[in-house]
Amino acid sequence: MKRTTLFLTAILIGLTLTAQPPDGGPHKRHRRPEPPKVEQMVSNLSAIQKKRLETITADCQQQVDKLETELNTVRQKIRTLMDQPGDQSDKLFPLIDRESQLQAQIAKTMYTVRQQIDRVLTDEQLAEFRSRLKADHKQRMSKQRPAKRLDGTQKQSRKPRS
């Protein structure tokens, strides 16, 4: 009896450890939204520009953190409701709508920040910033694994637009 209990406990501990992500935190499907680090991408920023950019990014980060916290709470509630038996649609559908609203608010916040950053930079700095953003995006996209189809074949990658 003790041997069986010990064996089952060891299996459960093993399953629990393998179910956890490596860092022990929540699973992350997407990169966390954050304002671009303009100071690292653009040379010759003036002290006034640096101060304005610090203010813009700090405000953005504060807004995004608040929205992300609420989004994580809503997602947890959705997961809990989806695990419950029976029809939970009267509780679930409003949460799904709220999740979409929060995602849209985060996207709008990031767009607004990009516009504010564009107003702080000169034309030359803006061109340098945009070229660095494109290069960083291209590098990130090259690290992603190509998608596989259900039949196991590799999906053909499209050629990048010019």
Protein backbone atom coordinates (compact mmCIF):
# COMPACT_ATOMS: atom_id res chain seq x y z
CA MET A 1 0.00 0.00 0.00
CA LYS A 2 2.76 2.44 0.95
CA ARG A 3 4.73 1.50 -2.14
CA THR A 4 1.73 2.19 -4.40
CA THR A 5 1.03 5.53 -2.69
CA LEU A 6 4.67 6.53 -3.01
CA PHE A 7 4.69 5.54 -6.69
CA LEU A 8 1.51 7.52 -7.45
CA THR A 9 2.84 10.54 -5.57
CA ALA A 10 6.06 10.45 -7.59
CA ILE A 11 4.08 10.31 -10.84
CA LEU A 12 1.88 13.24 -9.81
CA ILE A 13 4.91 15.31 -8.82
CA GLY A 14 6.52 14.53 -12.16
CA LEU A 15 3.39 15.55 -14.06
CA THR A 16 3.13 18.76 -12.07
CA LEU A 17 6.74 19.67 -12.79
CA THR A 18 6.46 18.94 -16.51
CA ALA A 19 3.24 20.97 -16.77
CA GLN A 20 5.01 24.08 -15.47
CA PRO A 21 6.79 26.37 -17.93
CA PRO A 22 10.59 26.48 -17.44
CA ASP A 23 10.54 29.85 -15.66
CA GLY A 24 7.66 28.79 -13.37
CA GLY A 25 5.48 31.65 -14.63
CA PRO A 26 2.42 31.64 -16.82
CA HIS A 27 2.66 30.35 -20.37
CA LYS A 28 3.36 33.14 -22.81
CA ARG A 29 1.94 32.80 -26.28
CA HIS A 30 2.79 36.30 -27.41
CA ARG A 31 5.40 38.87 -26.70
CA ARG A 32 4.35 41.32 -24.06
CA PRO A 33 3.59 44.72 -25.63
CA GLU A 34 6.05 47.38 -24.67
CA PRO A 35 7.02 50.72 -26.16
CA PRO A 36 10.02 50.67 -28.48
CA LYS A 37 13.37 51.58 -26.96
CA VAL A 38 14.05 54.63 -29.09
CA GLU A 39 17.23 55.56 -27.20
CA GLN A 40 18.83 52.30 -28.37
CA MET A 41 17.67 52.66 -31.96
CA VAL A 42 18.35 56.31 -32.71
CA SER A 43 21.65 58.12 -32.39
CA ASN A 44 22.16 61.78 -31.51
CA LEU A 45 19.07 62.40 -29.37
CA SER A 46 19.08 65.70 -27.51
CA ALA A 47 18.54 65.84 -23.76
CA ILE A 48 15.07 67.32 -24.27
CA GLN A 49 14.14 64.51 -26.66
CA LYS A 50 15.42 61.88 -24.24
CA LYS A 51 13.36 63.38 -21.41
CA ARG A 52 10.20 63.49 -23.55
CA LEU A 53 10.73 59.92 -24.72
CA GLU A 54 11.26 58.72 -21.14
CA THR A 55 7.98 60.35 -20.12
CA ILE A 56 6.11 58.88 -23.10
CA THR A 57 7.43 55.35 -22.57
CA ALA A 58 6.87 55.44 -18.79
CA ASP A 59 3.25 56.55 -19.24
CA CYS A 60 2.71 53.90 -21.90
CA GLN A 61 4.22 51.17 -19.76
CA GLN A 62 2.01 52.13 -16.85
CA GLN A 63 -1.13 52.02 -19.03
CA VAL A 64 -0.16 48.72 -20.66
CA ASP A 65 0.69 47.12 -17.30
CA LYS A 66 -2.75 48.04 -15.96
CA LEU A 67 -4.48 46.67 -19.07
CA GLU A 68 -2.35 43.50 -19.08
CA THR A 69 -3.20 42.82 -15.44
CA GLU A 70 -6.90 43.09 -16.17
CA LEU A 71 -6.49 41.01 -19.33
CA ASN A 72 -4.76 38.22 -17.41
CA THR A 73 -7.54 38.25 -14.81
CA VAL A 74 -10.21 38.01 -17.52
CA ARG A 75 -8.33 35.18 -19.25
CA GLN A 76 -8.09 33.26 -15.98
CA LYS A 77 -11.84 33.63 -15.45
CA ILE A 78 -12.44 32.40 -19.01
CA ARG A 79 -10.27 29.33 -18.42
CA THR A 80 -12.09 28.60 -15.17
CA LEU A 81 -15.51 28.86 -16.81
CA MET A 82 -14.47 26.71 -19.77
CA ASP A 83 -13.36 23.96 -17.39
CA GLN A 84 -16.76 23.84 -15.69
CA PRO A 85 -19.38 21.41 -16.98
CA GLY A 86 -22.62 22.62 -18.50
CA ASP A 87 -23.55 25.71 -20.44
CA GLN A 88 -21.63 28.73 -19.11
CA SER A 89 -22.28 30.96 -22.12
CA ASP A 90 -24.19 33.62 -20.15
CA LYS A 91 -21.05 34.24 -18.05
CA LEU A 92 -18.45 33.33 -20.67
CA PHE A 93 -19.49 35.49 -23.62
CA PRO A 94 -19.24 38.84 -21.79
CA LEU A 95 -15.74 37.86 -20.60
CA ILE A 96 -14.69 37.00 -24.15
CA ASP A 97 -15.99 40.39 -25.29
CA ARG A 98 -14.05 42.10 -22.49
CA GLU A 99 -10.89 40.23 -23.51
CA SER A 100 -11.26 41.58 -27.05
CA GLN A 101 -11.85 45.10 -25.75
CA LEU A 102 -8.71 44.97 -23.62
CA GLN A 103 -6.62 43.70 -26.52
CA ALA A 104 -7.94 46.54 -28.67
CA GLN A 105 -7.14 49.08 -25.94
CA ILE A 106 -3.56 47.80 -25.75
CA ALA A 107 -3.19 48.07 -29.53
CA LYS A 108 -4.61 51.61 -29.51
CA THR A 109 -2.26 52.61 -26.69
CA MET A 110 0.75 51.27 -28.60
CA TYR A 111 -0.35 53.14 -31.75
CA THR A 112 -0.80 56.38 -29.81
CA VAL A 113 2.68 56.00 -28.33
CA ARG A 114 4.20 55.46 -31.77
CA GLN A 115 2.53 58.68 -32.95
CA GLN A 116 3.86 60.58 -29.92
CA ILE A 117 7.36 59.23 -30.56
CA ASP A 118 7.15 60.27 -34.21
CA ARG A 119 6.34 63.85 -33.15
CA VAL A 120 9.41 64.02 -30.88
CA LEU A 121 11.92 62.83 -33.50
CA THR A 122 13.32 64.82 -36.40
CA ASP A 123 12.85 63.53 -39.96
CA GLU A 124 16.35 61.99 -40.05
CA GLN A 125 15.91 60.36 -36.65
CA LEU A 126 12.49 59.09 -37.67
CA ALA A 127 13.91 57.48 -40.81
CA GLU A 128 16.65 55.81 -38.73
CA PHE A 129 14.10 54.66 -36.15
CA ARG A 130 11.77 53.13 -38.75
CA SER A 131 14.60 51.33 -40.53
CA ARG A 132 15.77 49.83 -37.21
CA LEU A 133 12.20 48.75 -36.38
CA LYS A 134 11.91 47.01 -39.76
CA ALA A 135 15.27 45.29 -39.29
CA ASP A 136 14.33 44.12 -35.78
CA HIS A 137 10.98 42.84 -37.03
CA LYS A 138 12.63 40.99 -39.90
CA GLN A 139 15.13 39.39 -37.49
CA ARG A 140 12.35 38.31 -35.10
CA MET A 141 10.29 36.83 -37.92
CA SER A 142 13.27 34.84 -39.23
CA LYS A 143 13.57 33.09 -35.84
CA GLN A 144 10.02 31.73 -35.97
CA ARG A 145 9.46 28.15 -36.97
CA PRO A 146 7.56 27.65 -40.22
CA ALA A 147 3.99 26.43 -39.81
CA LYS A 148 3.10 22.80 -40.44
CA ARG A 149 -0.12 21.59 -41.96
CA LEU A 150 -2.30 18.97 -40.36
CA ASP A 151 -1.09 16.38 -42.85
CA GLY A 152 2.49 16.98 -41.64
CA THR A 153 3.77 18.78 -44.73
CA GLN A 154 5.61 22.08 -44.50
CA LYS A 155 3.71 25.24 -45.39
CA GLN A 156 5.33 27.20 -48.19
CA SER A 157 6.60 30.55 -46.97
CA ARG A 158 5.62 33.63 -48.91
CA LYS A 159 8.17 35.99 -50.30
CA PRO A 160 8.44 39.22 -48.30
CA ARG A 161 6.93 42.34 -49.81
CA SER A 162 9.22 45.08 -50.97
